[in-house]
Structure formats: structure tokens, C-alpha cells
C-alpha atoms as a PDB file:
ATOM      1  CA  MET A   1     -40.158   4.567  97.627  1.00  0.00           C
ATOM      2  CA  LEU A   2     -42.563   1.833  98.640  1.00  0.00           C
ATOM      3  CA  PRO A   3     -46.172   2.071  97.451  1.00  0.00           C
ATOM      4  CA  ARG A   4     -48.765   2.712 100.130  1.00  0.00           C
ATOM      5  CA  ALA A   5     -49.974  -0.523 101.694  1.00  0.00           C
ATOM      6  CA  ARG A   6     -53.691  -1.103 101.241  1.00  0.00           C
ATOM      7  CA  LYS A   7     -55.547  -2.249 104.327  1.00  0.00           C
ATOM      8  CA  ARG A   8     -58.262  -3.968 102.320  1.00  0.00           C
ATOM      9  CA  PHE A   9     -55.619  -6.320 100.898  1.00  0.00           C
ATOM     10  CA  GLY A  10     -53.943  -6.858 104.287  1.00  0.00           C
ATOM     11  CA  GLN A  11     -50.627  -5.665 102.882  1.00  0.00           C
ATOM     12  CA  HIS A  12     -47.437  -5.647 104.967  1.00  0.00           C
ATOM     13  CA  PHE A  13     -44.345  -5.557 102.753  1.00  0.00           C
ATOM     14  CA  LEU A  14     -41.287  -7.544 103.838  1.00  0.00           C
ATOM     15  CA  THR A  15     -38.379  -5.077 103.706  1.00  0.00           C
ATOM     16  CA  ASP A  16     -35.698  -6.499 106.028  1.00  0.00           C
ATOM     17  CA  ARG A  17     -32.843  -7.997 103.976  1.00  0.00           C
ATOM     18  CA  HIS A  18     -31.688 -10.260 106.803  1.00  0.00           C
ATOM     19  CA  TYR A  19     -35.038 -12.003 107.099  1.00  0.00           C
ATOM     20  CA  LEU A  20     -35.433 -12.009 103.336  1.00  0.00           C
ATOM     21  CA  GLY A  21     -32.234 -14.027 103.086  1.00  0.00           C
ATOM     22  CA  ARG A  22     -33.402 -16.481 105.720  1.00  0.00           C
ATOM     23  CA  ILE A  23     -36.724 -16.958 103.945  1.00  0.00           C
ATOM     24  CA  VAL A  24     -35.005 -17.554 100.602  1.00  0.00           C
ATOM     25  CA  ALA A  25     -32.770 -20.109 102.319  1.00  0.00           C
ATOM     26  CA  ALA A  26     -35.868 -21.838 103.748  1.00  0.00           C
ATOM     27  CA  ILE A  27     -37.389 -21.997 100.259  1.00  0.00           C
ATOM     28  CA  ASP A  28     -34.092 -23.149  98.683  1.00  0.00           C
ATOM     29  CA  PRO A  29     -35.213 -22.443  95.085  1.00  0.00           C
ATOM     30  CA  GLN A  30     -33.651 -24.558  92.337  1.00  0.00           C
ATOM     31  CA  PRO A  31     -33.375 -23.606  88.635  1.00  0.00           C
ATOM     32  CA  ASP A  32     -35.891 -26.122  87.311  1.00  0.00           C
ATOM     33  CA  ASP A  33     -38.496 -25.627  90.053  1.00  0.00           C
ATOM     34  CA  ALA A  34     -42.052 -24.935  88.922  1.00  0.00           C
ATOM     35  CA  MET A  35     -42.767 -22.118  91.361  1.00  0.00           C
ATOM     36  CA  VAL A  36     -45.572 -19.662  92.021  1.00  0.00           C
ATOM     37  CA  GLU A  37     -45.450 -16.783  94.487  1.00  0.00           C
ATOM     38  CA  ILE A  38     -48.714 -15.583  96.024  1.00  0.00           C
ATOM     39  CA  GLY A  39     -48.850 -11.892  96.885  1.00  0.00           C
ATOM     40  CA  PRO A  40     -45.460 -10.640  95.614  1.00  0.00           C
ATOM     41  CA  GLY A  41     -46.269  -7.066  96.616  1.00  0.00           C
ATOM     42  CA  THR A  42     -43.280  -4.837  95.856  1.00  0.00           C
ATOM     43  CA  GLY A  43     -41.282  -7.800  94.566  1.00  0.00           C
ATOM     44  CA  LEU A  44     -38.426  -8.044  97.056  1.00  0.00           C
ATOM     45  CA  LEU A  45     -38.784 -11.816  97.387  1.00  0.00           C
ATOM     46  CA  THR A  46     -39.765 -12.029  93.711  1.00  0.00           C
ATOM     47  CA  ASP A  47     -36.426 -10.568  92.657  1.00  0.00           C
ATOM     48  CA  GLU A  48     -34.520 -13.187  94.665  1.00  0.00           C
ATOM     49  CA  LEU A  49     -36.601 -16.056  93.308  1.00  0.00           C
ATOM     50  CA  ALA A  50     -36.404 -14.814  89.706  1.00  0.00           C
ATOM     51  CA  HIS A  51     -32.618 -14.946  89.882  1.00  0.00           C
ATOM     52  CA  ARG A  52     -32.705 -18.589  90.957  1.00  0.00           C
ATOM     53  CA  VAL A  53     -35.470 -20.251  88.918  1.00  0.00           C
ATOM     54  CA  LYS A  54     -35.770 -20.308  85.157  1.00  0.00           C
ATOM     55  CA  ARG A  55     -39.462 -19.438  85.164  1.00  0.00           C
ATOM     56  CA  LEU A  56     -41.471 -17.899  88.009  1.00  0.00           C
ATOM     57  CA  HIS A  57     -45.199 -17.279  88.208  1.00  0.00           C
ATOM     58  CA  VAL A  58     -46.634 -14.664  90.578  1.00  0.00           C
ATOM     59  CA  VAL A  59     -50.261 -13.993  91.506  1.00  0.00           C
ATOM     60  CA  GLU A  60     -50.980 -10.445  92.709  1.00  0.00           C
ATOM     61  CA  ILE A  61     -54.475  -9.124  93.482  1.00  0.00           C
ATOM     62  CA  ASP A  62     -53.382  -5.457  93.535  1.00  0.00           C
ATOM     63  CA  ARG A  63     -53.399  -4.437  89.872  1.00  0.00           C
ATOM     64  CA  ASP A  64     -51.181  -1.402  90.496  1.00  0.00           C
ATOM     65  CA  LEU A  65     -48.518  -3.582  92.096  1.00  0.00           C
ATOM     66  CA  ALA A  66     -48.898  -6.152  89.316  1.00  0.00           C
ATOM     67  CA  ALA A  67     -48.378  -3.415  86.711  1.00  0.00           C
ATOM     68  CA  GLY A  68     -45.257  -2.217  88.534  1.00  0.00           C
ATOM     69  CA  LEU A  69     -43.814  -5.721  88.562  1.00  0.00           C
ATOM     70  CA  ARG A  70     -44.674  -6.235  84.902  1.00  0.00           C
ATOM     71  CA  ALA A  71     -42.879  -3.012  83.988  1.00  0.00           C
ATOM     72  CA  ARG A  72     -39.550  -3.966  85.536  1.00  0.00           C
ATOM     73  CA  LEU A  73     -39.341  -7.780  85.386  1.00  0.00           C
ATOM     74  CA  ALA A  74     -38.402  -9.739  82.277  1.00  0.00           C
ATOM     75  CA  ALA A  75     -41.522 -11.387  80.847  1.00  0.00           C
ATOM     76  CA  ASP A  76     -39.530 -14.441  79.756  1.00  0.00           C
ATOM     77  CA  ARG A  77     -38.502 -15.091  83.373  1.00  0.00           C
ATOM     78  CA  VAL A  78     -41.524 -13.939  85.406  1.00  0.00           C
ATOM     79  CA  ALA A  79     -45.183 -14.387  84.460  1.00  0.00           C
ATOM     80  CA  ILE A  80     -47.355 -11.818  86.255  1.00  0.00           C
ATOM     81  CA  HIS A  81     -50.953 -12.888  86.917  1.00  0.00           C
ATOM     82  CA  ALA A  82     -53.109  -9.976  88.110  1.00  0.00           C
ATOM     83  CA  ALA A  83     -55.675 -12.058  89.957  1.00  0.00           C
ATOM     84  CA  ASP A  84     -57.106 -13.078  93.311  1.00  0.00           C
ATOM     85  CA  ALA A  85     -55.310 -16.240  94.461  1.00  0.00           C
ATOM     86  CA  LEU A  86     -58.605 -17.481  95.925  1.00  0.00           C
ATOM     87  CA  ASP A  87     -60.014 -17.667  92.384  1.00  0.00           C
ATOM     88  CA  PHE A  88     -56.854 -18.338  90.399  1.00  0.00           C
ATOM     89  CA  ASP A  89     -56.681 -21.588  88.395  1.00  0.00           C
ATOM     90  CA  PHE A  90     -53.487 -23.154  89.717  1.00  0.00           C
ATOM     91  CA  SER A  91     -54.114 -26.219  87.535  1.00  0.00           C
ATOM     92  CA  ALA A  92     -52.986 -24.094  84.571  1.00  0.00           C
ATOM     93  CA  LEU A  93     -49.448 -24.018  86.015  1.00  0.00           C
ATOM     94  CA  PRO A  94     -46.873 -26.840  85.778  1.00  0.00           C
ATOM     95  CA  ALA A  95     -46.818 -29.557  88.424  1.00  0.00           C
ATOM     96  CA  PRO A  96     -45.451 -30.522  90.858  1.00  0.00           C
ATOM     97  CA  LEU A  97     -45.748 -26.915  91.931  1.00  0.00           C
ATOM     98  CA  ARG A  98     -43.833 -25.125  94.672  1.00  0.00           C
ATOM     99  CA  VAL A  99     -46.057 -22.470  96.261  1.00  0.00           C
ATOM    100  CA  VAL A 100     -44.485 -19.644  98.269  1.00  0.00           C
ATOM    101  CA  GLY A 101     -45.381 -16.198  99.523  1.00  0.00           C
ATOM    102  CA  ASN A 102     -46.096 -13.650 102.198  1.00  0.00           C
ATOM    103  CA  LEU A 103     -49.812 -14.337 102.631  1.00  0.00           C
ATOM    104  CA  PRO A 104     -52.068 -11.389 103.507  1.00  0.00           C
ATOM    105  CA  TYR A 105     -53.143 -11.783 107.118  1.00  0.00           C
ATOM    106  CA  ASN A 106     -56.786 -10.911 106.451  1.00  0.00           C
ATOM    107  CA  VAL A 107     -57.326 -13.845 104.056  1.00  0.00           C
ATOM    108  CA  SER A 108     -54.614 -16.281 105.155  1.00  0.00           C
ATOM    109  CA  THR A 109     -57.001 -19.023 106.310  1.00  0.00           C
ATOM    110  CA  PRO A 110     -59.085 -19.060 103.091  1.00  0.00           C
ATOM    111  CA  LEU A 111     -55.834 -19.109 101.084  1.00  0.00           C
ATOM    112  CA  LEU A 112     -54.562 -22.090 103.081  1.00  0.00           C
ATOM    113  CA  PHE A 113     -57.794 -23.977 102.408  1.00  0.00           C
ATOM    114  CA  ARG A 114     -57.444 -23.049  98.719  1.00  0.00           C
ATOM    115  CA  VAL A 115     -53.939 -24.508  98.649  1.00  0.00           C
ATOM    116  CA  ALA A 116     -55.211 -27.641 100.407  1.00  0.00           C
ATOM    117  CA  GLU A 117     -57.595 -28.152  97.484  1.00  0.00           C
ATOM    118  CA  ILE A 118     -54.645 -28.481  95.103  1.00  0.00           C
ATOM    119  CA  ALA A 119     -52.397 -30.505  97.430  1.00  0.00           C
ATOM    120  CA  ASP A 120     -52.151 -33.364  94.918  1.00  0.00           C
ATOM    121  CA  ARG A 121     -50.440 -30.998  92.445  1.00  0.00           C
ATOM    122  CA  VAL A 122     -48.085 -29.414  94.988  1.00  0.00           C
ATOM    123  CA  ALA A 123     -44.450 -30.301  95.780  1.00  0.00           C
ATOM    124  CA  ASP A 124     -44.307 -28.080  98.857  1.00  0.00           C
ATOM    125  CA  CYS A 125     -45.341 -24.694 100.239  1.00  0.00           C
ATOM    126  CA  VAL A 126     -43.329 -22.124 102.181  1.00  0.00           C
ATOM    127  CA  PHE A 127     -45.456 -19.316 103.584  1.00  0.00           C
ATOM    128  CA  LEU A 128     -44.863 -16.257 105.727  1.00  0.00           C
ATOM    129  CA  LEU A 129     -47.894 -15.871 107.985  1.00  0.00           C
ATOM    130  CA  GLN A 130     -49.115 -14.463 111.251  1.00  0.00           C
ATOM    131  CA  ARG A 131     -47.373 -16.558 113.929  1.00  0.00           C
ATOM    132  CA  GLU A 132     -50.668 -17.323 115.643  1.00  0.00           C
ATOM    133  CA  VAL A 133     -51.906 -18.943 112.427  1.00  0.00           C
ATOM    134  CA  VAL A 134     -48.730 -21.013 112.100  1.00  0.00           C
ATOM    135  CA  GLN A 135     -49.143 -22.203 115.687  1.00  0.00           C
ATOM    136  CA  ARG A 136     -52.661 -23.364 114.833  1.00  0.00           C
ATOM    137  CA  MET A 137     -51.441 -25.102 111.679  1.00  0.00           C
ATOM    138  CA  VAL A 138     -48.843 -27.225 113.479  1.00  0.00           C
ATOM    139  CA  ALA A 139     -50.732 -27.750 116.777  1.00  0.00           C
ATOM    140  CA  ALA A 140     -51.140 -31.198 118.323  1.00  0.00           C
ATOM    141  CA  PRO A 141     -54.461 -32.596 119.636  1.00  0.00           C
ATOM    142  CA  ALA A 142     -55.584 -31.511 123.105  1.00  0.00           C
ATOM    143  CA  THR A 143     -53.613 -28.247 122.947  1.00  0.00           C
ATOM    144  CA  PRO A 144     -55.153 -24.740 122.974  1.00  0.00           C
ATOM    145  CA  ASP A 145     -54.166 -23.964 119.349  1.00  0.00           C
ATOM    146  CA  TYR A 146     -55.523 -27.227 117.899  1.00  0.00           C
ATOM    147  CA  GLY A 147     -58.642 -26.697 115.814  1.00  0.00           C
ATOM    148  CA  ARG A 148     -60.367 -27.147 112.470  1.00  0.00           C
ATOM    149  CA  LEU A 149     -57.484 -25.542 110.565  1.00  0.00           C
ATOM    150  CA  SER A 150     -55.017 -27.923 112.247  1.00  0.00           C
ATOM    151  CA  VAL A 151     -56.986 -31.019 111.270  1.00  0.00           C
ATOM    152  CA  MET A 152     -57.874 -30.022 107.724  1.00  0.00           C
ATOM    153  CA  LEU A 153     -54.274 -29.095 106.867  1.00  0.00           C
ATOM    154  CA  GLN A 154     -52.635 -31.996 108.717  1.00  0.00           C
ATOM    155  CA  TYR A 155     -54.995 -34.300 106.826  1.00  0.00           C
ATOM    156  CA  ARG A 156     -53.055 -33.363 103.670  1.00  0.00           C
ATOM    157  CA  PHE A 157     -49.687 -31.947 104.754  1.00  0.00           C
ATOM    158  CA  ALA A 158     -46.756 -32.495 107.091  1.00  0.00           C
ATOM    159  CA  MET A 159     -45.918 -29.079 108.517  1.00  0.00           C
ATOM    160  CA  ALA A 160     -43.196 -27.445 110.535  1.00  0.00           C
ATOM    161  CA  LYS A 161     -42.371 -23.892 111.561  1.00  0.00           C
ATOM    162  CA  ALA A 162     -39.087 -22.746 109.991  1.00  0.00           C
ATOM    163  CA  LEU A 163     -38.451 -19.386 111.681  1.00  0.00           C
ATOM    164  CA  ASP A 164     -40.034 -16.429 113.457  1.00  0.00           C
ATOM    165  CA  VAL A 165     -40.117 -12.972 111.850  1.00  0.00           C
ATOM    166  CA  PRO A 166     -40.600  -9.825 113.987  1.00  0.00           C
ATOM    167  CA  PRO A 167     -42.953  -6.944 113.095  1.00  0.00           C
ATOM    168  CA  GLY A 168     -40.000  -4.669 112.349  1.00  0.00           C
ATOM    169  CA  ALA A 169     -39.109  -6.727 109.285  1.00  0.00           C
ATOM    170  CA  PHE A 170     -42.172  -5.299 107.500  1.00  0.00           C
ATOM    171  CA  THR A 171     -43.349  -1.941 106.202  1.00  0.00           C
ATOM    172  CA  PRO A 172     -45.753  -1.017 107.664  1.00  0.00           C
ATOM    173  CA  PRO A 173     -45.048  -3.231 110.694  1.00  0.00           C
ATOM    174  CA  PRO A 174     -48.001  -5.455 111.632  1.00  0.00           C
ATOM    175  CA  LYS A 175     -49.270  -5.517 115.204  1.00  0.00           C
ATOM    176  CA  VAL A 176     -48.445  -9.211 115.510  1.00  0.00           C
ATOM    177  CA  ASP A 177     -45.435 -11.495 115.155  1.00  0.00           C
ATOM    178  CA  SER A 178     -45.015 -13.569 112.026  1.00  0.00           C
ATOM    179  CA  ALA A 179     -43.495 -16.949 111.192  1.00  0.00           C
ATOM    180  CA  VAL A 180     -42.484 -19.042 108.207  1.00  0.00           C
ATOM    181  CA  VAL A 181     -44.051 -22.479 107.806  1.00  0.00           C
ATOM    182  CA  ARG A 182     -43.147 -25.312 105.432  1.00  0.00           C
ATOM    183  CA  MET A 183     -45.885 -27.632 104.195  1.00  0.00           C
ATOM    184  CA  ARG A 184     -45.181 -30.908 102.390  1.00  0.00           C
ATOM    185  CA  PRO A 185     -48.040 -32.985 100.941  1.00  0.00           C
ATOM    186  CA  LEU A 186     -48.311 -36.403 102.583  1.00  0.00           C
ATOM    187  CA  GLY A 187     -48.573 -38.173  99.223  1.00  0.00           C
ATOM    188  CA  ALA A 188     -51.022 -40.419  97.444  1.00  0.00           C
ATOM    189  CA  ASP A 189     -50.737 -43.181 100.050  1.00  0.00           C
ATOM    190  CA  ARG A 190     -51.807 -40.958 102.972  1.00  0.00           C
ATOM    191  CA  PRO A 191     -54.839 -42.055 105.020  1.00  0.00           C
ATOM    192  CA  ARG A 192     -58.007 -40.689 103.427  1.00  0.00           C
ATOM    193  CA  ALA A 193     -61.612 -40.542 104.535  1.00  0.00           C
ATOM    194  CA  ARG A 194     -63.937 -42.481 102.268  1.00  0.00           C
ATOM    195  CA  ASP A 195     -66.343 -39.517 102.195  1.00  0.00           C
ATOM    196  CA  GLU A 196     -64.256 -36.333 102.343  1.00  0.00           C
ATOM    197  CA  PRO A 197     -67.203 -33.883 102.474  1.00  0.00           C
ATOM    198  CA  LEU A 198     -68.587 -35.838 105.460  1.00  0.00           C
ATOM    199  CA  PHE A 199     -65.125 -35.808 107.074  1.00  0.00           C
ATOM    200  CA  ALA A 200     -64.941 -32.017 106.634  1.00  0.00           C
ATOM    201  CA  ALA A 201     -68.448 -31.577 108.063  1.00  0.00           C
ATOM    202  CA  ILE A 202     -67.647 -33.685 111.145  1.00  0.00           C
ATOM    203  CA  VAL A 203     -64.410 -31.787 111.760  1.00  0.00           C
ATOM    204  CA  ALA A 204     -66.255 -28.463 111.463  1.00  0.00           C
ATOM    205  CA  ALA A 205     -68.964 -29.659 113.843  1.00  0.00           C
ATOM    206  CA  GLY A 206     -66.419 -31.026 116.303  1.00  0.00           C
ATOM    207  CA  PHE A 207     -64.873 -27.578 116.720  1.00  0.00           C
ATOM    208  CA  SER A 208     -68.012 -25.461 116.331  1.00  0.00           C
ATOM    209  CA  GLN A 209     -68.591 -25.392 120.093  1.00  0.00           C
ATOM    210  CA  ARG A 210     -65.405 -26.526 121.791  1.00  0.00           C
ATOM    211  CA  ARG A 211     -66.977 -27.096 125.216  1.00  0.00           C
ATOM    212  CA  LYS A 212     -69.514 -29.569 123.838  1.00  0.00           C
ATOM    213  CA  THR A 213     -68.960 -33.301 123.644  1.00  0.00           C
ATOM    214  CA  LEU A 214     -68.819 -34.931 120.236  1.00  0.00           C
ATOM    215  CA  ARG A 215     -72.221 -36.535 120.855  1.00  0.00           C
ATOM    216  CA  ASN A 216     -73.786 -33.068 121.126  1.00  0.00           C
ATOM    217  CA  ALA A 217     -71.592 -31.074 118.736  1.00  0.00           C
ATOM    218  CA  ALA A 218     -71.773 -33.557 115.837  1.00  0.00           C
ATOM    219  CA  ARG A 219     -75.299 -34.824 116.440  1.00  0.00           C
ATOM    220  CA  GLY A 220     -76.387 -34.023 112.894  1.00  0.00           C
ATOM    221  CA  GLN A 221     -73.413 -35.748 111.239  1.00  0.00           C
ATOM    222  CA  VAL A 222     -72.575 -38.779 113.394  1.00  0.00           C
ATOM    223  CA  PRO A 223     -75.142 -41.484 114.276  1.00  0.00           C
ATOM    224  CA  GLU A 224     -74.793 -42.860 117.794  1.00  0.00           C
ATOM    225  CA  ALA A 225     -73.786 -46.307 116.522  1.00  0.00           C
ATOM    226  CA  ALA A 226     -70.797 -44.840 114.662  1.00  0.00           C
ATOM    227  CA  TYR A 227     -68.895 -44.048 117.860  1.00  0.00           C
ATOM    228  CA  ALA A 228     -68.705 -47.678 118.918  1.00  0.00           C
ATOM    229  CA  ARG A 229     -67.775 -48.714 115.408  1.00  0.00           C
ATOM    230  CA  ALA A 230     -64.910 -46.191 115.396  1.00  0.00           C
ATOM    231  CA  GLY A 231     -63.866 -47.004 118.967  1.00  0.00           C
ATOM    232  CA  ILE A 232     -64.301 -43.382 120.059  1.00  0.00           C
ATOM    233  CA  ASP A 233     -66.014 -42.264 123.265  1.00  0.00           C
ATOM    234  CA  PRO A 234     -68.823 -39.824 122.299  1.00  0.00           C
ATOM    235  CA  GLY A 235     -68.180 -38.021 125.584  1.00  0.00           C
ATOM    236  CA  ARG A 236     -64.860 -36.722 124.273  1.00  0.00           C
ATOM    237  CA  ARG A 237     -64.490 -33.246 122.811  1.00  0.00           C
ATOM    238  CA  GLY A 238     -63.449 -32.704 119.217  1.00  0.00           C
ATOM    239  CA  GLU A 239     -60.227 -30.974 120.234  1.00  0.00           C
ATOM    240  CA  THR A 240     -58.923 -34.270 121.685  1.00  0.00           C
ATOM    241  CA  LEU A 241     -59.251 -36.285 118.451  1.00  0.00           C
ATOM    242  CA  SER A 242     -56.274 -36.871 116.192  1.00  0.00           C
ATOM    243  CA  VAL A 243     -56.599 -36.605 112.422  1.00  0.00           C
ATOM    244  CA  ALA A 244     -56.649 -40.417 112.224  1.00  0.00           C
ATOM    245  CA  GLU A 245     -59.518 -40.562 114.737  1.00  0.00           C
ATOM    246  CA  PHE A 246     -61.536 -37.996 112.762  1.00  0.00           C
ATOM    247  CA  ILE A 247     -61.018 -40.158 109.673  1.00  0.00           C
ATOM    248  CA  ALA A 248     -62.137 -43.266 111.533  1.00  0.00           C
ATOM    249  CA  LEU A 249     -65.203 -41.466 112.871  1.00  0.00           C
ATOM    250  CA  ALA A 250     -66.170 -40.160 109.426  1.00  0.00           C
ATOM    251  CA  ASP A 251     -65.793 -43.619 107.900  1.00  0.00           C
ATOM    252  CA  ALA A 252     -67.900 -45.141 110.664  1.00  0.00           C
ATOM    253  CA  ALA A 253     -70.547 -42.432 110.288  1.00  0.00           C
ATOM    254  CA  GLY A 254     -70.665 -42.989 106.539  1.00  0.00           C
ATOM    255  CA  SER A 255     -71.218 -46.726 106.914  1.00  0.00           C
ATOM    256  CA  ALA A 256     -73.575 -46.596 109.896  1.00  0.00           C
ATOM    257  CA  GLY A 257     -77.173 -47.390 109.356  1.00  0.00           C
END
């Protein structure tokens, strides 16, 4: 019998064996992988991963579920961390790290930003998420789904949707469709903003009021002279800028004066 899902943790347990197999295939775990699973829940995916990798780490916020996993999984194969993934110290785990999991819908965006913080230590990520979130993650500029999440993740990762997962694959079924996304860090030679906090602030401002032009939306972060230096029309809206253009604008804003 499955434990009762807790709404405060956004729990929806994957229970469909067909989709489980497809997700495992998308992850393609190898014996020597350094792997951590976020939100193992009842451990259906955990069991499959533990059979394929020599050592698996899992991070579970629900202490009752963590205790259940600890009671039935071999400690020499699976390390159970009863913790909130938003606060967990991933630097304590081996690198390069493969990060996988069925992310709780109610904190999926903060978790994605948390993973972005450790991108330099990550080999790849395979996450099961609300499909709407995945669409935002992979969206192109000047499309309805393109936003701050798109830019901040695409700044660090190449991403692609792997498969859709229907509500009926979960217990209890969510009210939305889900999807699996793969994220691969772009590497040390990726384009970087010279001032990353300024870059993040300009991106946030650019999407804070989507109907406003950049000149108005980012008035506090971007001096007027920076637009000409970056070759960007201040009459454009943030949603039309590519990641590279946001980088150029942040670099120009940081050197303007």
C-alpha cells in the first residue's frame, strides 16, 4: 500500500511501470555514475537506479518516507539523506554528478534554480516535471512560454524534452500533464556575463512586466548608453532577447559610465 501523499510536499508518486521504464531508459544509468535522486518518494525509481549504479544518493524531505527507504534498501548501495533539497549541500557528493528525480510541482522552479547553482559540478540532469514548466525551460525567444526561467537555465544548460507523461501514471494523479526533460551543462567555455548578479537582475527586470519595453522595465539596472554599446534597441521587450543578447546587455551595463 502506498503512503498517503502529502499536499504540503507536492507529492505525486509515479506508479506506472511502462512510464517508469521509459524514464529509466532516458536516464540510462551506468554502474560507475555518481548519481543523486531528488524526491524518491516511495522508491519505485530508486529501486531501478539502485540495481544499475554501484552507489546511489537520494534526498527526501519527508522523514517518514526516508525512514521507509532506509529500512528496506541496502545502506552500502543507497545513501538516504533526510533533507530539503533546497538546503542540501550537493558539494559533499562526488562530481561530476548526475541529478535525477520526480520534482515536486510546488517547488520545482526553486529546485531548478538550486541545481543551476551547482551546474559546474553536474554531468547532466533528468527530471520529471509539470509539462508547462518543461515548456518554459526549453522555450525560444519571442514565444509565449519564454521567460526568466528559460533564460537563467539556458544560460547554463542545453535542454530538451524527452517524453510526455500523463496524469494517470501517478498516484494520486495530478491535475496537469507532466514531461521529462534532460539538462546538460554547457561547459566551462560557455558564454558568461562578466557580472552574473547584474545579468540575473537585468533578466528579472526584463520579464517583470512583459508589456514594458526594456528601457522602462530595466531602468534601474541598464543605463541608456548601454543599449547602443550592446547594439540592442531599448524599445524591444525582454521576451524578444536571446540569452546571448542578455549577456551582451549586462556586460554593456556593467561597463557603462
